[in-house]
């Protein structure tokens, strides 16, 4: 699915950085809109994780590619790129719609990093990509718990996630 992103480390990293920038923007917008204190805090944590991921990826670029990062691609690695391009974000009305999009994006990011780890021939580089995949998968788990809680399934276990609505 992402083969074109894996042709070299520079392309992989630029695509990943763009994906993290999109994720940061998305979670920041949601945090600003949230009226629920717990939801706002959780969204800010997700946003800050995206920022930390970007910083990690920039460090990887400096170490493995070197030189100027240059411009990022227009599209990132996840479902959010399509939403931002089409302006669909403004059309989302409910928390459930936002969560569904975030779940899709986190799943895509986890898959991207896992596939990227398999595509590179450097074990250390691949290990870092797998760590990022695991973190994105944990975001997916948190968001799935939120979705279940919003749907009224409060029996959800395995996370301390609180529902995103009052």
N, C-alpha and C. Protein backbone atom coordinates (compact mmCIF):
# COMPACT_ATOMS: atom_id res chain seq x y z
N UNK A 1 0.82 -1.20 0.00
CA UNK A 1 0.00 0.00 0.00
C UNK A 1 0.86 1.27 0.00
N UNK A 2 1.95 1.24 0.76
CA UNK A 2 2.81 2.41 0.89
C UNK A 2 4.15 2.23 0.19
N UNK A 3 4.23 1.31 -0.74
CA UNK A 3 5.51 0.96 -1.34
C UNK A 3 6.27 2.18 -1.87
N UNK A 4 5.54 3.14 -2.46
CA UNK A 4 6.22 4.32 -3.01
C UNK A 4 6.91 5.15 -1.93
N UNK A 5 6.45 5.01 -0.68
CA UNK A 5 7.07 5.75 0.42
C UNK A 5 8.35 5.09 0.91
N UNK A 6 8.57 3.84 0.54
CA UNK A 6 9.69 3.09 1.07
C UNK A 6 10.86 2.97 0.09
N UNK A 7 10.85 3.73 -0.99
CA UNK A 7 11.91 3.59 -1.98
C UNK A 7 13.27 3.99 -1.43
N UNK A 8 13.30 4.91 -0.48
CA UNK A 8 14.53 5.26 0.21
C UNK A 8 14.18 5.85 1.57
N UNK A 9 15.18 5.94 2.42
CA UNK A 9 14.95 6.42 3.79
C UNK A 9 14.46 7.86 3.82
N UNK A 10 14.97 8.69 2.93
CA UNK A 10 14.56 10.10 2.91
C UNK A 10 13.07 10.22 2.59
N UNK A 11 12.59 9.49 1.59
CA UNK A 11 11.18 9.53 1.21
C UNK A 11 10.32 8.99 2.34
N UNK A 12 10.74 7.87 2.92
CA UNK A 12 10.00 7.28 4.04
C UNK A 12 9.87 8.27 5.18
N UNK A 13 10.98 8.88 5.55
CA UNK A 13 10.97 9.80 6.69
C UNK A 13 10.18 11.08 6.40
N UNK A 14 10.32 11.63 5.22
CA UNK A 14 9.53 12.83 4.89
C UNK A 14 8.03 12.52 4.93
N UNK A 15 7.64 11.38 4.40
CA UNK A 15 6.22 10.98 4.42
C UNK A 15 5.73 10.79 5.85
N UNK A 16 6.56 10.14 6.66
CA UNK A 16 6.19 9.91 8.06
C UNK A 16 6.09 11.23 8.82
N UNK A 17 7.03 12.13 8.59
CA UNK A 17 6.99 13.44 9.26
C UNK A 17 5.72 14.19 8.88
N UNK A 18 5.37 14.17 7.59
CA UNK A 18 4.14 14.83 7.15
C UNK A 18 2.92 14.20 7.84
N UNK A 19 2.92 12.89 7.97
CA UNK A 19 1.82 12.22 8.66
C UNK A 19 1.71 12.65 10.12
N UNK A 20 2.84 12.81 10.78
CA UNK A 20 2.82 13.25 12.18
C UNK A 20 2.39 14.72 12.30
N UNK A 21 2.78 15.54 11.34
CA UNK A 21 2.33 16.94 11.33
C UNK A 21 0.81 16.98 11.17
N UNK A 22 0.27 16.18 10.26
CA UNK A 22 -1.18 16.11 10.08
C UNK A 22 -1.86 15.62 11.35
N UNK A 23 -1.29 14.60 12.00
CA UNK A 23 -1.85 14.09 13.24
C UNK A 23 -1.85 15.14 14.33
N UNK A 24 -0.76 15.88 14.46
CA UNK A 24 -0.68 16.96 15.44
C UNK A 24 -1.78 17.99 15.19
N UNK A 25 -1.91 18.40 13.95
CA UNK A 25 -2.93 19.40 13.59
C UNK A 25 -4.33 18.90 13.92
N UNK A 26 -4.60 17.66 13.59
CA UNK A 26 -5.91 17.06 13.84
C UNK A 26 -6.23 17.03 15.33
N UNK A 27 -5.33 16.48 16.12
CA UNK A 27 -5.59 16.38 17.56
C UNK A 27 -5.63 17.75 18.22
N UNK A 28 -4.85 18.69 17.73
CA UNK A 28 -4.89 20.04 18.28
C UNK A 28 -6.24 20.68 18.02
N UNK A 29 -6.77 20.51 16.80
CA UNK A 29 -8.10 21.06 16.49
C UNK A 29 -9.17 20.43 17.37
N UNK A 30 -9.09 19.12 17.56
CA UNK A 30 -10.07 18.44 18.41
C UNK A 30 -9.97 18.91 19.86
N UNK A 31 -8.76 19.06 20.35
CA UNK A 31 -8.57 19.52 21.73
C UNK A 31 -9.15 20.91 21.92
N UNK A 32 -8.96 21.78 20.93
CA UNK A 32 -9.50 23.13 21.02
C UNK A 32 -11.02 23.13 21.04
N UNK A 33 -11.64 22.18 20.33
CA UNK A 33 -13.11 22.11 20.25
C UNK A 33 -13.73 21.43 21.46
N UNK A 34 -12.96 20.61 22.14
CA UNK A 34 -13.52 19.79 23.21
C UNK A 34 -13.94 20.63 24.41
N UNK A 35 -15.14 20.35 24.91
CA UNK A 35 -15.66 21.01 26.10
C UNK A 35 -15.43 20.15 27.34
N UNK A 36 -15.11 18.88 27.15
CA UNK A 36 -14.91 17.95 28.24
C UNK A 36 -13.44 17.99 28.66
N UNK A 37 -13.21 18.26 29.95
CA UNK A 37 -11.85 18.43 30.45
C UNK A 37 -11.01 17.15 30.26
N UNK A 38 -11.59 15.99 30.56
CA UNK A 38 -10.86 14.74 30.41
C UNK A 38 -10.55 14.46 28.94
N UNK A 39 -11.52 14.69 28.08
CA UNK A 39 -11.31 14.47 26.65
C UNK A 39 -10.23 15.42 26.13
N UNK A 40 -10.30 16.67 26.55
CA UNK A 40 -9.32 17.67 26.13
C UNK A 40 -7.91 17.23 26.53
N UNK A 41 -7.77 16.73 27.76
CA UNK A 41 -6.47 16.28 28.25
C UNK A 41 -5.97 15.09 27.42
N UNK A 42 -6.84 14.14 27.14
CA UNK A 42 -6.44 12.95 26.36
C UNK A 42 -6.05 13.35 24.93
N UNK A 43 -6.81 14.26 24.34
CA UNK A 43 -6.50 14.72 22.98
C UNK A 43 -5.17 15.48 22.95
N UNK A 44 -4.92 16.26 23.98
CA UNK A 44 -3.64 16.97 24.06
C UNK A 44 -2.48 15.99 24.22
N UNK A 45 -2.70 14.88 24.94
CA UNK A 45 -1.67 13.86 25.07
C UNK A 45 -1.39 13.22 23.70
N UNK A 46 -2.45 12.90 22.97
CA UNK A 46 -2.26 12.34 21.63
C UNK A 46 -1.55 13.33 20.72
N UNK A 47 -1.95 14.60 20.79
CA UNK A 47 -1.30 15.65 20.01
C UNK A 47 0.19 15.72 20.34
N UNK A 48 0.50 15.70 21.63
CA UNK A 48 1.89 15.82 22.04
C UNK A 48 2.71 14.59 21.63
N UNK A 49 2.07 13.42 21.61
CA UNK A 49 2.75 12.22 21.10
C UNK A 49 3.11 12.39 19.63
N UNK A 50 2.20 12.97 18.86
CA UNK A 50 2.47 13.20 17.43
C UNK A 50 3.67 14.15 17.27
N UNK A 51 3.74 15.15 18.11
CA UNK A 51 4.86 16.10 18.07
C UNK A 51 6.17 15.38 18.41
N UNK A 52 6.13 14.53 19.43
CA UNK A 52 7.31 13.77 19.82
C UNK A 52 7.73 12.81 18.71
N UNK A 53 6.75 12.19 18.06
CA UNK A 53 7.07 11.30 16.93
C UNK A 53 7.77 12.08 15.82
N UNK A 54 7.26 13.27 15.53
CA UNK A 54 7.89 14.09 14.49
C UNK A 54 9.35 14.39 14.85
N UNK A 55 9.58 14.75 16.11
CA UNK A 55 10.94 15.06 16.54
C UNK A 55 11.85 13.84 16.40
N UNK A 56 11.34 12.66 16.74
CA UNK A 56 12.10 11.43 16.58
C UNK A 56 12.44 11.19 15.11
N UNK A 57 11.47 11.42 14.25
CA UNK A 57 11.68 11.21 12.82
C UNK A 57 12.68 12.20 12.23
N UNK A 58 12.64 13.44 12.70
CA UNK A 58 13.61 14.43 12.24
C UNK A 58 15.02 14.01 12.68
N UNK A 59 15.14 13.50 13.91
CA UNK A 59 16.44 13.01 14.37
C UNK A 59 16.92 11.84 13.51
N UNK A 60 16.00 10.95 13.15
CA UNK A 60 16.35 9.83 12.27
C UNK A 60 16.82 10.35 10.91
N UNK A 61 16.14 11.37 10.40
CA UNK A 61 16.54 11.95 9.12
C UNK A 61 17.98 12.48 9.21
N UNK A 62 18.25 13.22 10.28
CA UNK A 62 19.59 13.79 10.45
C UNK A 62 20.64 12.69 10.54
N UNK A 63 20.32 11.60 11.25
CA UNK A 63 21.28 10.52 11.45
C UNK A 63 21.47 9.65 10.21
N UNK A 64 20.38 9.29 9.55
CA UNK A 64 20.46 8.31 8.46
C UNK A 64 20.52 8.91 7.06
N UNK A 65 20.07 10.15 6.92
CA UNK A 65 20.07 10.77 5.59
C UNK A 65 21.03 11.95 5.57
N UNK A 66 20.90 12.82 6.55
CA UNK A 66 21.75 14.01 6.62
C UNK A 66 21.27 15.10 5.68
N UNK A 67 21.83 16.24 5.84
CA UNK A 67 21.47 17.37 4.99
C UNK A 67 20.14 17.98 5.40
N UNK A 68 19.68 18.86 4.54
CA UNK A 68 18.44 19.58 4.79
C UNK A 68 17.23 18.67 4.59
N UNK A 69 16.28 18.76 5.49
CA UNK A 69 15.06 17.96 5.38
C UNK A 69 14.30 18.29 4.10
N UNK A 70 14.33 19.56 3.72
CA UNK A 70 13.63 19.98 2.51
C UNK A 70 12.13 19.98 2.71
N UNK A 71 11.40 20.23 1.64
CA UNK A 71 9.94 20.30 1.78
C UNK A 71 9.33 18.92 2.03
N UNK A 72 8.28 18.93 2.81
CA UNK A 72 7.54 17.69 3.05
C UNK A 72 6.58 17.45 1.90
N UNK A 73 6.20 16.21 1.67
CA UNK A 73 5.24 15.93 0.60
C UNK A 73 3.88 16.53 0.92
N UNK A 74 3.05 16.69 -0.08
CA UNK A 74 1.71 17.23 0.13
C UNK A 74 0.85 16.28 0.95
N UNK A 75 1.05 14.99 0.73
CA UNK A 75 0.28 13.97 1.44
C UNK A 75 1.15 13.26 2.46
N UNK A 76 0.55 13.00 3.62
CA UNK A 76 1.23 12.21 4.64
C UNK A 76 0.94 10.74 4.44
N UNK A 77 0.94 10.03 5.53
CA UNK A 77 0.82 8.58 5.46
C UNK A 77 -0.56 8.05 5.85
N UNK A 78 -1.45 8.92 6.26
CA UNK A 78 -2.66 8.39 6.88
C UNK A 78 -3.94 8.96 6.30
N UNK A 79 -5.01 8.54 6.89
CA UNK A 79 -6.34 8.94 6.46
C UNK A 79 -6.57 10.44 6.60
N UNK A 80 -5.84 11.09 7.45
CA UNK A 80 -6.05 12.52 7.68
C UNK A 80 -5.68 13.36 6.45
N UNK A 81 -4.73 12.89 5.67
CA UNK A 81 -4.31 13.65 4.48
C UNK A 81 -5.50 13.90 3.56
N UNK A 82 -6.29 12.90 3.32
CA UNK A 82 -7.46 13.04 2.45
C UNK A 82 -8.46 14.03 3.03
N UNK A 83 -8.65 13.96 4.32
CA UNK A 83 -9.61 14.86 4.97
C UNK A 83 -9.15 16.30 4.88
N UNK A 84 -7.87 16.54 5.13
CA UNK A 84 -7.37 17.91 5.06
C UNK A 84 -7.42 18.43 3.63
N UNK A 85 -7.07 17.59 2.66
CA UNK A 85 -7.08 18.01 1.26
C UNK A 85 -8.49 18.38 0.80
N UNK A 86 -9.45 17.60 1.20
CA UNK A 86 -10.82 17.79 0.73
C UNK A 86 -11.61 18.76 1.61
N UNK A 87 -11.03 19.20 2.71
CA UNK A 87 -11.74 20.10 3.61
C UNK A 87 -12.89 19.43 4.34
N UNK A 88 -12.84 18.10 4.42
CA UNK A 88 -13.93 17.35 5.05
C UNK A 88 -13.96 17.51 6.56
N UNK A 89 -12.87 17.94 7.15
CA UNK A 89 -12.81 18.04 8.60
C UNK A 89 -13.90 18.95 9.14
N UNK A 90 -14.18 20.02 8.43
CA UNK A 90 -15.22 20.95 8.88
C UNK A 90 -16.61 20.31 8.83
N UNK A 91 -16.77 19.29 7.99
CA UNK A 91 -18.07 18.64 7.86
C UNK A 91 -18.35 17.62 8.94
N UNK A 92 -17.33 17.25 9.73
CA UNK A 92 -17.56 16.30 10.80
C UNK A 92 -18.29 16.99 11.94
N UNK A 93 -19.33 16.36 12.43
CA UNK A 93 -20.18 17.00 13.42
C UNK A 93 -20.12 16.37 14.81
N UNK A 94 -19.94 15.07 14.88
CA UNK A 94 -20.03 14.41 16.18
C UNK A 94 -18.67 13.87 16.64
N UNK A 95 -18.58 13.66 17.95
CA UNK A 95 -17.37 13.06 18.49
C UNK A 95 -17.12 11.69 17.87
N UNK A 96 -18.21 10.96 17.61
CA UNK A 96 -18.06 9.62 17.03
C UNK A 96 -17.42 9.70 15.65
N UNK A 97 -17.76 10.72 14.87
CA UNK A 97 -17.15 10.89 13.54
C UNK A 97 -15.66 11.21 13.67
N UNK A 98 -15.32 12.07 14.62
CA UNK A 98 -13.92 12.41 14.83
C UNK A 98 -13.13 11.19 15.30
N UNK A 99 -13.71 10.45 16.23
CA UNK A 99 -13.03 9.27 16.75
C UNK A 99 -12.84 8.23 15.65
N UNK A 100 -13.86 8.04 14.83
CA UNK A 100 -13.75 7.06 13.73
C UNK A 100 -12.60 7.44 12.80
N UNK A 101 -12.47 8.72 12.49
CA UNK A 101 -11.39 9.18 11.62
C UNK A 101 -10.04 9.00 12.31
N UNK A 102 -9.98 9.33 13.60
CA UNK A 102 -8.72 9.17 14.33
C UNK A 102 -8.31 7.70 14.40
N UNK A 103 -9.28 6.81 14.61
CA UNK A 103 -9.00 5.37 14.65
C UNK A 103 -8.41 4.93 13.31
N UNK A 104 -9.03 5.36 12.24
CA UNK A 104 -8.54 5.01 10.89
C UNK A 104 -7.12 5.52 10.69
N UNK A 105 -6.87 6.75 11.14
CA UNK A 105 -5.55 7.36 10.97
C UNK A 105 -4.49 6.63 11.79
N UNK A 106 -4.80 6.29 13.02
CA UNK A 106 -3.83 5.60 13.88
C UNK A 106 -3.53 4.20 13.35
N UNK A 107 -4.55 3.53 12.87
CA UNK A 107 -4.35 2.20 12.29
C UNK A 107 -3.45 2.29 11.05
N UNK A 108 -3.70 3.29 10.21
CA UNK A 108 -2.88 3.48 9.02
C UNK A 108 -1.44 3.81 9.39
N UNK A 109 -1.25 4.65 10.41
CA UNK A 109 0.11 5.01 10.83
C UNK A 109 0.85 3.79 11.39
N UNK A 110 0.16 2.99 12.20
CA UNK A 110 0.79 1.79 12.76
C UNK A 110 1.22 0.85 11.63
N UNK A 111 0.36 0.69 10.65
CA UNK A 111 0.66 -0.18 9.50
C UNK A 111 1.85 0.38 8.70
N UNK A 112 1.84 1.71 8.50
CA UNK A 112 2.91 2.34 7.74
C UNK A 112 4.26 2.06 8.40
N UNK A 113 4.35 2.31 9.72
CA UNK A 113 5.63 2.12 10.40
C UNK A 113 6.05 0.66 10.41
N UNK A 114 5.10 -0.25 10.58
CA UNK A 114 5.42 -1.68 10.57
C UNK A 114 5.92 -2.10 9.19
N UNK A 115 5.23 -1.67 8.15
CA UNK A 115 5.67 -1.99 6.79
C UNK A 115 7.02 -1.35 6.48
N UNK A 116 7.22 -0.12 6.97
CA UNK A 116 8.49 0.56 6.78
C UNK A 116 9.63 -0.18 7.46
N UNK A 117 9.38 -0.69 8.67
CA UNK A 117 10.40 -1.44 9.40
C UNK A 117 10.80 -2.69 8.63
N UNK A 118 9.83 -3.31 7.99
CA UNK A 118 10.11 -4.51 7.20
C UNK A 118 10.87 -4.17 5.90
N UNK A 119 10.65 -2.97 5.40
CA UNK A 119 11.23 -2.58 4.11
C UNK A 119 12.68 -2.12 4.22
N UNK A 120 13.09 -1.62 5.38
CA UNK A 120 14.45 -1.11 5.52
C UNK A 120 15.41 -2.25 5.83
N UNK A 121 16.67 -2.05 5.45
CA UNK A 121 17.67 -3.09 5.67
C UNK A 121 18.56 -2.81 6.87
N UNK A 122 18.21 -1.82 7.66
CA UNK A 122 19.00 -1.44 8.82
C UNK A 122 18.23 -1.84 10.08
N UNK A 123 18.73 -2.80 10.86
CA UNK A 123 18.00 -3.28 12.04
C UNK A 123 17.69 -2.18 13.07
N UNK A 124 18.64 -1.28 13.30
CA UNK A 124 18.41 -0.21 14.29
C UNK A 124 17.30 0.72 13.81
N UNK A 125 17.36 1.10 12.56
CA UNK A 125 16.34 1.97 11.95
C UNK A 125 14.98 1.27 12.01
N UNK A 126 14.96 -0.01 11.65
CA UNK A 126 13.73 -0.78 11.68
C UNK A 126 13.15 -0.90 13.08
N UNK A 127 14.02 -1.05 14.07
CA UNK A 127 13.56 -1.16 15.47
C UNK A 127 12.84 0.12 15.90
N UNK A 128 13.37 1.26 15.53
CA UNK A 128 12.74 2.54 15.89
C UNK A 128 11.38 2.66 15.20
N UNK A 129 11.31 2.25 13.93
CA UNK A 129 10.02 2.29 13.21
C UNK A 129 9.01 1.36 13.88
N UNK A 130 9.45 0.20 14.36
CA UNK A 130 8.54 -0.72 15.06
C UNK A 130 8.06 -0.12 16.38
N UNK A 131 8.92 0.62 17.06
CA UNK A 131 8.50 1.29 18.30
C UNK A 131 7.42 2.33 17.99
N UNK A 132 7.60 3.05 16.89
CA UNK A 132 6.58 4.02 16.49
C UNK A 132 5.28 3.30 16.12
N UNK A 133 5.39 2.16 15.46
CA UNK A 133 4.20 1.38 15.12
C UNK A 133 3.46 0.97 16.39
N UNK A 134 4.21 0.52 17.39
CA UNK A 134 3.59 0.11 18.65
C UNK A 134 2.90 1.29 19.35
N UNK A 135 3.51 2.46 19.31
CA UNK A 135 2.89 3.64 19.92
C UNK A 135 1.60 4.03 19.19
N UNK A 136 1.63 3.98 17.87
CA UNK A 136 0.42 4.30 17.10
C UNK A 136 -0.66 3.26 17.38
N UNK A 137 -0.28 2.01 17.54
CA UNK A 137 -1.25 0.97 17.88
C UNK A 137 -1.85 1.21 19.26
N UNK A 138 -1.06 1.74 20.19
CA UNK A 138 -1.62 2.05 21.51
C UNK A 138 -2.59 3.22 21.42
N UNK A 139 -2.34 4.16 20.53
CA UNK A 139 -3.31 5.24 20.30
C UNK A 139 -4.62 4.67 19.76
N UNK A 140 -4.50 3.72 18.85
CA UNK A 140 -5.67 3.04 18.30
C UNK A 140 -6.47 2.41 19.44
N UNK A 141 -5.79 1.72 20.36
CA UNK A 141 -6.48 1.07 21.48
C UNK A 141 -7.22 2.09 22.35
N UNK A 142 -6.57 3.20 22.63
CA UNK A 142 -7.20 4.25 23.44
C UNK A 142 -8.45 4.77 22.75
N UNK A 143 -8.33 5.03 21.46
CA UNK A 143 -9.47 5.57 20.71
C UNK A 143 -10.60 4.56 20.58
N UNK A 144 -10.27 3.29 20.44
CA UNK A 144 -11.31 2.26 20.40
C UNK A 144 -12.06 2.21 21.73
N UNK A 145 -11.33 2.36 22.83
CA UNK A 145 -11.97 2.39 24.15
C UNK A 145 -12.91 3.59 24.25
N UNK A 146 -12.47 4.74 23.74
CA UNK A 146 -13.32 5.94 23.74
C UNK A 146 -14.58 5.70 22.92
N UNK A 147 -14.41 5.08 21.76
CA UNK A 147 -15.55 4.81 20.89
C UNK A 147 -16.55 3.89 21.59
N UNK A 148 -16.04 2.85 22.23
CA UNK A 148 -16.92 1.92 22.95
C UNK A 148 -17.63 2.63 24.10
N UNK A 149 -16.92 3.49 24.81
CA UNK A 149 -17.52 4.21 25.92
C UNK A 149 -18.62 5.15 25.43
N UNK A 150 -18.35 5.84 24.32
CA UNK A 150 -19.36 6.74 23.76
C UNK A 150 -20.60 5.98 23.30
N UNK A 151 -20.38 4.75 22.85
CA UNK A 151 -21.49 3.93 22.38
C UNK A 151 -22.27 3.32 23.55
N UNK A 152 -21.81 3.59 24.77
CA UNK A 152 -22.51 3.08 25.94
C UNK A 152 -21.99 1.75 26.44
N UNK A 153 -20.89 1.31 25.90
CA UNK A 153 -20.30 0.04 26.32
C UNK A 153 -19.26 0.29 27.41
N UNK A 154 -19.71 0.64 28.59
CA UNK A 154 -18.81 1.01 29.66
C UNK A 154 -18.12 -0.17 30.33
N UNK A 155 -18.32 -1.35 29.81
CA UNK A 155 -17.64 -2.53 30.33
C UNK A 155 -16.24 -2.66 29.76
N UNK A 156 -15.84 -1.72 28.92
CA UNK A 156 -14.53 -1.76 28.27
C UNK A 156 -13.43 -1.78 29.33
N UNK A 157 -12.51 -2.74 29.24
CA UNK A 157 -11.39 -2.84 30.18
C UNK A 157 -10.08 -2.73 29.42
N UNK A 158 -9.02 -2.53 30.16
CA UNK A 158 -7.70 -2.53 29.56
C UNK A 158 -7.12 -1.16 29.30
N UNK A 159 -7.85 -0.12 29.62
CA UNK A 159 -7.31 1.23 29.48
C UNK A 159 -7.96 2.12 30.51
N UNK A 160 -7.28 3.17 30.88
CA UNK A 160 -7.86 4.11 31.83
C UNK A 160 -8.60 5.23 31.11
N UNK A 161 -8.90 5.01 29.84
CA UNK A 161 -9.54 6.03 29.02
C UNK A 161 -10.94 6.33 29.53
N UNK A 162 -11.24 7.60 29.64
CA UNK A 162 -12.57 8.04 30.01
C UNK A 162 -13.31 8.45 28.74
N UNK A 163 -14.62 8.32 28.72
CA UNK A 163 -15.33 8.71 27.50
C UNK A 163 -15.11 10.19 27.19
N UNK A 164 -15.19 10.52 25.91
CA UNK A 164 -14.92 11.90 25.47
C UNK A 164 -16.14 12.79 25.56
N UNK A 165 -17.18 12.35 26.21
CA UNK A 165 -18.31 13.25 26.40
C UNK A 165 -18.77 13.18 27.83
N UNK A 166 -19.47 14.22 28.28
CA UNK A 166 -19.95 14.28 29.66
C UNK A 166 -20.98 13.23 29.93
